[in-house]
Protein backbone atom coordinates (compact mmCIF):
# COMPACT_ATOMS: atom_id res chain seq x y z
CA MET A 1 221.23 -18.92 -80.26
CA ILE A 2 220.36 -20.43 -76.90
CA ALA A 3 217.03 -19.15 -75.62
CA THR A 4 217.06 -18.18 -71.95
CA GLY A 5 213.42 -17.16 -71.99
CA ALA A 6 210.63 -16.29 -74.40
CA ILE A 7 208.12 -13.50 -74.87
CA ARG A 8 204.72 -15.24 -74.89
CA ASP A 9 203.01 -13.94 -78.03
CA GLU A 10 201.35 -17.22 -78.97
CA GLY A 11 198.53 -19.37 -77.62
CA THR A 12 199.94 -22.69 -76.49
CA SER A 13 201.87 -21.55 -73.41
CA TYR A 14 198.66 -20.19 -71.89
CA HIS A 15 197.33 -23.76 -71.66
CA TYR A 16 200.22 -24.61 -69.29
CA LEU A 17 200.88 -21.44 -67.28
CA PRO A 18 198.84 -18.49 -66.08
CA PRO A 19 199.07 -15.36 -68.26
CA ALA A 20 202.41 -13.54 -68.11
CA ASN A 21 204.66 -11.64 -70.49
CA SER A 22 207.33 -14.31 -70.71
CA ALA A 23 208.32 -17.86 -69.88
CA GLU A 24 211.78 -18.61 -68.55
CA ALA A 25 213.98 -21.46 -69.76
CA PRO A 26 215.03 -24.10 -67.25
CA LEU A 27 218.52 -22.87 -66.40
CA LYS A 28 219.97 -26.32 -65.74
CA LEU A 29 220.54 -27.11 -69.43
CA ILE A 30 222.05 -23.80 -70.58
CA PRO A 31 225.63 -24.35 -69.31
CA PHE A 32 225.70 -27.77 -71.00
CA LEU A 33 224.51 -26.25 -74.27
CA LEU A 34 227.22 -23.57 -74.06
CA THR A 35 229.88 -26.19 -73.32
CA GLU A 36 228.90 -28.31 -76.32
CA LEU A 37 228.14 -25.56 -78.85
CA GLY A 38 231.09 -23.30 -77.99
CA PRO A 39 233.85 -25.45 -79.51
CA LEU A 40 232.07 -25.67 -82.89
CA GLY A 41 233.53 -22.31 -83.89
CA LEU A 42 230.11 -20.88 -84.75
CA PRO A 43 228.70 -17.74 -83.12
CA VAL A 44 226.65 -18.67 -80.04
CA HIS A 45 224.54 -16.13 -78.18
CA CYS A 46 222.26 -16.52 -75.16
CA GLY A 47 219.17 -14.43 -74.62
CA MET A 48 215.46 -13.94 -74.89
CA VAL A 49 213.41 -14.83 -77.96
CA TRP A 50 210.03 -13.64 -79.11
CA THR A 51 207.68 -16.57 -79.66
CA THR A 52 204.85 -15.86 -82.07
CA ASP A 53 202.61 -18.22 -83.98
CA ALA A 54 202.04 -15.57 -86.65
CA PRO A 55 205.57 -15.16 -88.04
CA TYR A 56 204.52 -13.19 -91.10
CA ARG A 57 202.68 -10.59 -89.02
CA GLU A 58 205.74 -9.16 -87.26
CA THR A 59 205.86 -5.41 -87.62
CA ALA A 60 208.89 -3.13 -87.70
CA LYS A 61 207.51 -1.44 -84.56
CA GLU A 62 207.35 -4.78 -82.67
CA LEU A 63 210.80 -5.82 -83.86
CA LYS A 64 212.25 -2.51 -82.66
CA MET A 65 210.42 -2.72 -79.31
CA TYR A 66 211.48 -6.30 -78.56
CA SER A 67 215.01 -5.65 -79.78
CA SER A 68 215.26 -2.70 -77.37
CA GLN A 69 214.27 -5.14 -74.60
CA GLY A 70 217.18 -7.43 -75.51
CA VAL A 71 215.24 -9.99 -77.53
CA LEU A 72 217.65 -11.65 -79.98
CA ALA A 73 215.44 -13.74 -82.27
CA VAL A 74 211.88 -14.52 -83.34
CA GLU A 75 210.68 -18.11 -83.42
CA MET A 76 207.56 -20.22 -82.92
CA GLN A 77 208.07 -22.79 -80.12
CA ALA A 78 210.19 -21.70 -77.16
CA ALA A 79 207.45 -20.13 -74.99
CA SER A 80 205.26 -23.21 -75.17
CA LEU A 81 208.21 -25.52 -74.48
CA PHE A 82 209.32 -23.47 -71.47
CA ALA A 83 205.73 -23.35 -70.15
CA LEU A 84 205.48 -27.13 -70.46
CA ALA A 85 208.87 -27.51 -68.73
CA SER A 86 207.67 -25.31 -65.87
CA MET A 87 204.41 -27.20 -65.47
CA ARG A 88 206.02 -30.65 -65.62
CA ASN A 89 209.26 -29.71 -63.84
CA ALA A 90 211.16 -30.86 -66.93
CA THR A 91 214.43 -29.77 -68.46
CA ILE A 92 213.70 -28.45 -71.94
CA GLY A 93 215.95 -26.18 -73.95
CA ALA A 94 215.52 -24.20 -77.16
CA VAL A 95 218.32 -23.48 -79.59
CA ALA A 96 217.61 -21.41 -82.68
CA HIS A 97 219.81 -21.91 -85.71
CA VAL A 98 219.39 -18.39 -87.06
CA SER A 99 219.07 -18.58 -90.81
CA ASN A 100 217.66 -15.23 -91.81
CA ALA A 101 217.42 -11.73 -90.45
CA ILE A 102 216.43 -8.25 -91.50
CA ASP A 103 220.08 -7.35 -92.02
CA HIS A 104 221.19 -10.80 -93.27
CA PRO A 105 223.33 -10.26 -96.38
CA GLY A 106 222.89 -13.82 -97.68
CA GLU A 107 220.05 -15.87 -99.01
CA SER A 108 217.01 -16.17 -96.70
CA PHE A 109 216.91 -19.41 -94.71
CA ASP A 110 220.52 -20.20 -95.59
CA LYS A 111 221.73 -22.37 -92.67
CA GLY A 112 225.18 -22.93 -94.09
CA PRO A 113 226.70 -26.29 -94.92
CA GLU A 114 224.87 -29.47 -93.97
CA THR A 115 227.94 -30.55 -92.02
CA ASP A 116 227.41 -27.60 -89.63
CA GLY A 117 223.83 -28.73 -89.02
CA ILE A 118 225.05 -32.23 -88.19
CA ARG A 119 227.71 -30.86 -85.83
CA ILE A 120 225.07 -28.72 -84.08
CA LEU A 121 222.71 -31.68 -83.68
CA LYS A 122 225.50 -33.80 -82.20
CA ALA A 123 226.36 -31.02 -79.75
CA LEU A 124 222.70 -30.75 -78.69
CA CYS A 125 222.53 -34.50 -78.12
CA HIS A 126 225.72 -34.41 -76.04
CA ALA A 127 224.35 -31.53 -73.96
CA GLY A 128 221.13 -33.43 -73.33
CA LEU A 129 222.99 -36.56 -72.30
CA ALA A 130 225.32 -34.57 -70.04
CA VAL A 131 222.45 -32.93 -68.16
CA VAL A 132 220.84 -36.31 -67.34
CA SER A 133 224.12 -37.97 -66.31
C-alpha cells in the first residue's frame, strides 16, 4: 500500500510542521513506486494512512471513522516522514506491506513468502533510483 498522505495522530510530525489533520506525501515518488510495484503481481493500493504511535489503542469507532474517510491502513511512521519531507523539501515515500487486518483470514503479521519481501525491497530501491535519475 503506497501512502499518499497520513492522518497525524502521533507526536513527531508536530516538531516539523504546524498542527494540521494530515501530512501529504511528496507526489514525485508515487508514480515510480506504482511502476515498480505493479509488475510484482501483488495487490497495490494508493491512499491515506492513519499514523498513530499508540497502535494498541485503536478503537473500533476510530477505525470506522477513518475508514469512512478513505483511510486504508494504520501504521506508525508516515506522518512524521511526510512532515520531514515537507520541511526539508525532500522526496520521501511510505509503502506499507499490510500483514494483518481486522478481516484478515490468515495468521496475524503473515507477510507471505520471504521471496515476496525481497522482490518488494528491490522494487522500492528501483523506484528510489529512478526518481533521482
